[in-house]
Amino acid sequence: MHQLDLSTVRAVALDVDGTLAGPDSQVSERTILAMRRVAALGVPVIVLTGRSRRNTLDIARRAGVQHVAIACNGALVIDPATEQNLAVNPMPASDKETFRALADDLGLDLTWWTEHEMYVTRQGPMAELIWQLNNERAIVADPDTLGDAVVLKMMAMADEAYLDEVAGEIHRRMPTAQRSLDNLFEVVHPDSTKWHALEWALRRYQIDPALVLGAGDGGNDVIWLSRIGFPVAMGNARPEVRRVTLAEAPSNADDGAAALLERLIEVQEALA
């Protein structure tokens, strides 16, 4: 982390789970304060997460973020100041059908998300994880209703060892699926990944991706991290993230994102 020259950083993009959030899925007060301090320096802080619209806005508000926040793994771009949606990109019907069939065939725990609600096929590990990450209750629903729903993203869950075993089949049938956590694969519209949303935001603020500092830990962070100038892996990051990053921050269990932001603050304040 200290080998990076952060003097030219002009924006920060941050994943939430495994990055901003600790193992308890909460964003610490230390991290929130660091986000506020970076924003006070005039450096845009862009939250970039797979979490729900409501939860993403909660984090942005706590941190006093005034620039766009990106939810649902890139399918939703929101203005935290007005709470207006700036971009909404739901999944095509064919992808919904394919991913639902894939989850059925492989025995995976399925969820699908609309703008305001999250649905599961049963009460179980997926519903528990949604509560843990978003502090929101998922609604048990019939997946046959998927066809008519405006779905922003879908996820399928199983234990890590089983997902390792079936990962090849998942990628064969759904090449755009990304392994966001060790026990989760997720899919959004092919043109609404975290990178598509971040690229849209950077154009809006006229910031070169080469001047962006970003941190992440999961497979859904690989593409966008590989396209910015200062990509950092968390100490708890998956191997594919480490392969595309230039430095490593401490683990999310040790407030690694806060440490990274505090280092940026130190460098930027020295320039003032």
Protein backbone atom coordinates (compact mmCIF):
# COMPACT_ATOMS: atom_id res chain seq x y z
CA MET A 1 0.00 0.00 0.00
CA HIS A 2 2.78 2.44 0.89
CA GLN A 3 4.59 1.83 -2.40
CA LEU A 4 1.84 3.64 -4.32
CA ASP A 5 2.30 7.34 -5.06
CA LEU A 6 -1.18 8.62 -4.20
CA SER A 7 -0.44 12.27 -4.90
CA THR A 8 -2.29 12.23 -8.25
CA VAL A 9 -5.42 10.42 -7.04
CA ARG A 10 -8.55 12.37 -8.01
CA ALA A 11 -11.32 9.93 -7.03
CA VAL A 12 -11.86 6.86 -4.87
CA ALA A 13 -14.05 3.84 -5.63
CA LEU A 14 -14.79 1.37 -2.85
CA ASP A 15 -16.48 -2.01 -2.69
CA VAL A 16 -18.47 -2.69 0.49
CA ASP A 17 -18.61 -6.35 1.52
CA GLY A 18 -15.13 -7.60 2.28
CA THR A 19 -13.76 -4.06 1.82
CA LEU A 20 -15.54 -1.21 3.61
CA ALA A 21 -17.49 -3.66 5.78
CA GLY A 22 -15.82 -5.88 8.32
CA PRO A 23 -16.49 -9.58 8.89
CA ASP A 24 -19.61 -8.53 10.83
CA SER A 25 -20.91 -6.85 7.62
CA GLN A 26 -20.84 -3.44 9.33
CA VAL A 27 -18.93 -0.35 8.17
CA SER A 28 -16.96 0.92 11.18
CA GLU A 29 -17.02 4.48 12.45
CA ARG A 30 -13.30 4.73 11.68
CA THR A 31 -14.01 3.88 8.04
CA ILE A 32 -16.95 6.29 7.83
CA LEU A 33 -14.79 9.09 9.26
CA ALA A 34 -12.03 8.36 6.74
CA MET A 35 -14.56 8.51 3.89
CA ARG A 36 -15.83 11.86 5.18
CA ARG A 37 -12.31 13.25 5.40
CA VAL A 38 -11.46 12.18 1.84
CA ALA A 39 -14.65 13.78 0.53
CA ALA A 40 -13.82 16.98 2.46
CA LEU A 41 -10.58 17.18 0.48
CA GLY A 42 -12.66 17.47 -2.69
CA VAL A 43 -11.93 13.89 -3.79
CA PRO A 44 -15.12 12.10 -4.92
CA VAL A 45 -15.84 8.91 -2.95
CA ILE A 46 -17.89 6.44 -4.98
CA VAL A 47 -19.48 3.51 -3.14
CA LEU A 48 -19.52 0.56 -5.53
CA THR A 49 -21.42 -2.43 -4.18
CA GLY A 50 -23.69 -5.37 -4.79
CA ARG A 51 -25.85 -4.35 -1.84
CA SER A 52 -29.42 -3.11 -2.05
CA ARG A 53 -30.48 0.39 -2.97
CA ARG A 54 -31.59 1.21 0.58
CA ASN A 55 -28.45 -0.09 2.24
CA THR A 56 -26.15 1.62 -0.26
CA LEU A 57 -27.87 4.95 0.40
CA ASP A 58 -27.54 4.39 4.16
CA ILE A 59 -23.77 3.99 3.84
CA ALA A 60 -23.48 6.99 1.53
CA ARG A 61 -25.48 9.17 3.92
CA ARG A 62 -23.43 8.11 6.96
CA ALA A 63 -20.25 9.03 5.10
CA GLY A 64 -21.63 12.30 3.76
CA VAL A 65 -21.05 11.13 0.19
CA GLN A 66 -22.28 13.67 -2.36
CA HIS A 67 -21.22 11.88 -5.52
CA VAL A 68 -23.06 8.96 -7.08
CA ALA A 69 -23.46 5.65 -5.29
CA ILE A 70 -23.61 2.39 -7.24
CA ALA A 71 -25.79 -0.48 -6.01
CA CYS A 72 -26.88 -3.94 -7.18
CA ASN A 73 -23.44 -4.66 -8.65
CA GLY A 74 -23.71 -1.81 -11.13
CA ALA A 75 -27.35 -2.15 -12.24
CA LEU A 76 -28.40 0.93 -10.27
CA VAL A 77 -26.72 4.36 -10.03
CA ILE A 78 -28.16 6.73 -7.44
CA ASP A 79 -27.67 10.37 -6.45
CA PRO A 80 -27.36 10.21 -2.62
CA ALA A 81 -28.24 13.90 -2.25
CA THR A 82 -31.64 13.59 -3.96
CA GLU A 83 -32.08 9.79 -3.74
CA GLN A 84 -32.99 9.83 -7.41
CA ASN A 85 -32.04 6.99 -9.72
CA LEU A 86 -29.65 8.20 -12.42
CA ALA A 87 -29.36 4.88 -14.24
CA VAL A 88 -31.36 1.65 -13.99
CA ASN A 89 -30.44 -1.35 -16.10
CA PRO A 90 -32.50 -4.52 -15.45
CA MET A 91 -31.59 -8.01 -16.62
CA PRO A 92 -32.91 -9.30 -19.97
CA ALA A 93 -35.57 -12.02 -19.84
CA SER A 94 -33.27 -14.61 -21.41
CA ASP A 95 -30.64 -14.16 -18.70
CA LYS A 96 -33.25 -14.43 -15.96
CA GLU A 97 -34.47 -17.72 -17.42
CA THR A 98 -30.96 -19.11 -17.89
CA PHE A 99 -29.81 -18.27 -14.37
CA ARG A 100 -32.97 -19.59 -12.77
CA ALA A 101 -32.61 -22.89 -14.65
CA LEU A 102 -28.93 -23.08 -13.72
CA ALA A 103 -29.72 -22.63 -10.02
CA ASP A 104 -32.46 -25.27 -10.22
CA ASP A 105 -30.25 -27.80 -12.01
CA LEU A 106 -27.30 -27.35 -9.63
CA GLY A 107 -29.37 -27.11 -6.46
CA LEU A 108 -28.27 -23.56 -5.62
CA ASP A 109 -30.10 -21.21 -3.25
CA LEU A 110 -31.58 -18.47 -5.48
CA THR A 111 -32.44 -14.81 -4.95
CA TRP A 112 -33.59 -12.08 -7.33
CA TRP A 113 -33.68 -8.34 -6.62
CA THR A 114 -35.89 -5.56 -7.90
CA GLU A 115 -35.29 -1.88 -7.18
CA HIS A 116 -36.89 -2.00 -3.73
CA GLU A 117 -37.32 -5.69 -2.80
CA MET A 118 -35.28 -8.88 -2.54
CA TYR A 119 -36.88 -12.29 -3.13
CA VAL A 120 -35.90 -15.84 -2.19
CA THR A 121 -37.48 -19.18 -2.94
CA ARG A 122 -37.43 -20.24 0.72
CA GLN A 123 -36.27 -19.22 4.16
CA GLY A 124 -32.72 -20.49 4.49
CA PRO A 125 -29.05 -19.50 4.14
CA MET A 126 -29.67 -17.01 1.32
CA ALA A 127 -32.39 -15.17 3.27
CA GLU A 128 -30.10 -15.13 6.32
CA LEU A 129 -27.21 -13.71 4.28
CA ILE A 130 -29.42 -10.97 2.81
CA TRP A 131 -30.43 -9.95 6.34
CA GLN A 132 -26.82 -10.00 7.49
CA LEU A 133 -25.53 -7.87 4.61
CA ASN A 134 -28.43 -5.47 4.05
CA ASN A 135 -30.37 -5.53 7.31
CA GLU A 136 -33.47 -6.12 5.20
CA ARG A 137 -35.82 -9.08 5.09
CA ALA A 138 -36.14 -11.02 1.85
CA ILE A 139 -39.61 -11.98 0.64
CA VAL A 140 -40.34 -15.64 -0.05
CA ALA A 141 -41.82 -15.87 -3.56
CA ASP A 142 -42.47 -18.27 -6.40
CA PRO A 143 -39.65 -18.09 -8.99
CA ASP A 144 -42.33 -18.44 -11.68
CA THR A 145 -43.02 -14.74 -11.04
CA LEU A 146 -39.52 -13.91 -12.31
CA GLY A 147 -40.73 -13.60 -15.88
CA ASP A 148 -42.79 -10.48 -15.18
CA ALA A 149 -40.48 -8.87 -12.64
CA VAL A 150 -38.08 -6.02 -13.42
CA VAL A 151 -35.01 -7.74 -11.98
CA LEU A 152 -31.78 -5.82 -11.38
CA LYS A 153 -29.68 -8.77 -10.27
CA MET A 154 -29.80 -12.43 -9.30
CA MET A 155 -27.55 -14.48 -7.03
CA ALA A 156 -27.06 -18.17 -6.38
CA MET A 157 -25.54 -19.52 -3.16
CA ALA A 158 -23.91 -22.75 -1.98
CA ASP A 159 -20.98 -23.66 0.23
CA GLU A 160 -17.55 -22.70 -1.08
CA ALA A 161 -16.34 -26.23 -1.88
CA TYR A 162 -19.43 -27.02 -3.96
CA LEU A 163 -19.19 -23.73 -5.87
CA ASP A 164 -15.54 -24.54 -6.62
CA GLU A 165 -16.75 -27.82 -8.09
CA VAL A 166 -19.53 -26.36 -10.27
CA ALA A 167 -17.89 -23.02 -11.17
CA GLY A 168 -16.93 -24.25 -14.63
CA GLU A 169 -20.51 -25.28 -15.40
CA ILE A 170 -21.84 -21.96 -14.15
CA HIS A 171 -19.44 -20.01 -16.37
CA ARG A 172 -20.23 -22.26 -19.35
CA ARG A 173 -23.96 -21.63 -19.09
CA MET A 174 -23.76 -18.04 -17.83
CA PRO A 175 -20.42 -16.52 -18.91
CA THR A 176 -21.23 -13.16 -17.31
CA ALA A 177 -21.74 -14.65 -13.82
CA GLN A 178 -19.25 -13.33 -11.27
CA ARG A 179 -18.18 -14.86 -7.98
CA SER A 180 -18.71 -11.93 -5.67
CA LEU A 181 -18.14 -13.91 -2.45
CA ASP A 182 -16.71 -17.36 -1.81
CA ASN A 183 -20.24 -18.75 -1.51
CA LEU A 184 -22.02 -16.58 -4.09
CA PHE A 185 -22.30 -16.20 -7.84
CA GLU A 186 -24.23 -13.22 -9.15
CA VAL A 187 -25.36 -11.87 -12.47
CA VAL A 188 -26.61 -8.52 -13.75
CA HIS A 189 -27.26 -7.10 -17.21
CA PRO A 190 -24.09 -7.69 -19.27
CA ASP A 191 -23.75 -3.93 -19.75
CA SER A 192 -24.36 -2.94 -16.13
CA THR A 193 -21.41 -4.32 -14.20
CA LYS A 194 -19.53 -2.35 -11.57
CA TRP A 195 -17.13 -1.21 -14.29
CA HIS A 196 -19.89 0.05 -16.58
CA ALA A 197 -21.40 2.05 -13.71
CA LEU A 198 -18.05 3.40 -12.52
CA GLU A 199 -17.06 4.37 -16.06
CA TRP A 200 -20.38 6.23 -16.39
CA ALA A 201 -19.74 8.07 -13.12
CA LEU A 202 -16.18 9.02 -14.06
CA ARG A 203 -17.38 10.46 -17.37
CA ARG A 204 -19.98 12.46 -15.44
CA TYR A 205 -17.25 13.98 -13.26
CA GLN A 206 -14.66 14.15 -16.07
CA ILE A 207 -12.12 12.05 -14.16
CA ASP A 208 -9.58 9.84 -15.91
CA PRO A 209 -9.74 6.21 -14.64
CA ALA A 210 -5.93 6.37 -14.41
CA LEU A 211 -6.37 8.80 -11.50
CA VAL A 212 -8.73 6.58 -9.49
CA LEU A 213 -7.80 4.73 -6.30
CA GLY A 214 -9.96 1.65 -5.75
CA ALA A 215 -10.17 -1.24 -3.32
CA GLY A 216 -12.02 -4.55 -3.53
CA ASP A 217 -11.89 -8.20 -2.59
CA GLY A 218 -14.22 -10.29 -4.76
CA GLY A 219 -14.44 -11.66 -8.27
CA ASN A 220 -16.92 -8.94 -9.25
CA ASP A 221 -14.19 -6.38 -8.49
CA VAL A 222 -11.62 -7.79 -10.92
CA ILE A 223 -12.70 -5.98 -14.08
CA TRP A 224 -13.07 -2.50 -12.66
CA LEU A 225 -9.90 -2.76 -10.57
CA SER A 226 -7.94 -3.80 -13.65
CA ARG A 227 -9.03 -0.60 -15.45
CA ILE A 228 -8.08 2.06 -12.91
CA GLY A 229 -4.70 3.54 -12.07
CA PHE A 230 -4.44 2.63 -8.39
CA PRO A 231 -6.04 -0.79 -7.77
CA VAL A 232 -5.65 -2.20 -4.26
CA ALA A 233 -6.56 -5.67 -2.98
CA MET A 234 -7.79 -6.12 0.56
CA GLY A 235 -5.79 -8.49 2.72
CA ASN A 236 -8.75 -10.88 2.57
CA ALA A 237 -9.14 -10.65 -1.23
CA ARG A 238 -9.68 -13.62 -3.53
CA PRO A 239 -6.63 -14.70 -5.62
CA GLU A 240 -8.03 -13.30 -8.87
CA VAL A 241 -8.19 -9.84 -7.27
CA ARG A 242 -4.57 -9.98 -6.12
CA ARG A 243 -3.49 -10.77 -9.69
CA VAL A 244 -4.80 -7.46 -11.08
CA THR A 245 -3.87 -5.09 -8.24
CA LEU A 246 -0.71 -3.14 -7.50
CA ALA A 247 -0.80 -3.12 -3.71
CA GLU A 248 -2.48 -4.72 -0.72
CA ALA A 249 -4.30 -3.08 2.17
CA PRO A 250 -4.82 -4.77 5.52
CA SER A 251 -7.75 -7.16 5.86
CA ASN A 252 -11.28 -5.86 6.30
CA ALA A 253 -11.08 -7.40 9.79
CA ASP A 254 -8.39 -4.80 10.55
CA ASP A 255 -10.20 -1.78 9.03
CA GLY A 256 -7.99 -2.05 5.94
CA ALA A 257 -10.11 0.34 3.88
CA ALA A 258 -9.83 2.98 6.61
CA ALA A 259 -6.05 2.51 6.69
CA LEU A 260 -5.90 2.98 2.91
CA LEU A 261 -8.02 6.13 3.03
CA GLU A 262 -6.01 7.53 5.93
CA ARG A 263 -2.85 7.03 3.87
CA LEU A 264 -4.47 8.93 0.98
CA ILE A 265 -5.48 11.73 3.35
CA GLU A 266 -1.93 11.99 4.67
CA VAL A 267 -0.52 12.31 1.15
CA GLN A 268 -3.17 14.74 -0.09
CA GLU A 269 -2.98 17.00 2.96
CA ALA A 270 0.81 17.19 2.57
CA LEU A 271 0.24 18.62 -0.91
CA ALA A 272 -2.20 21.29 0.26
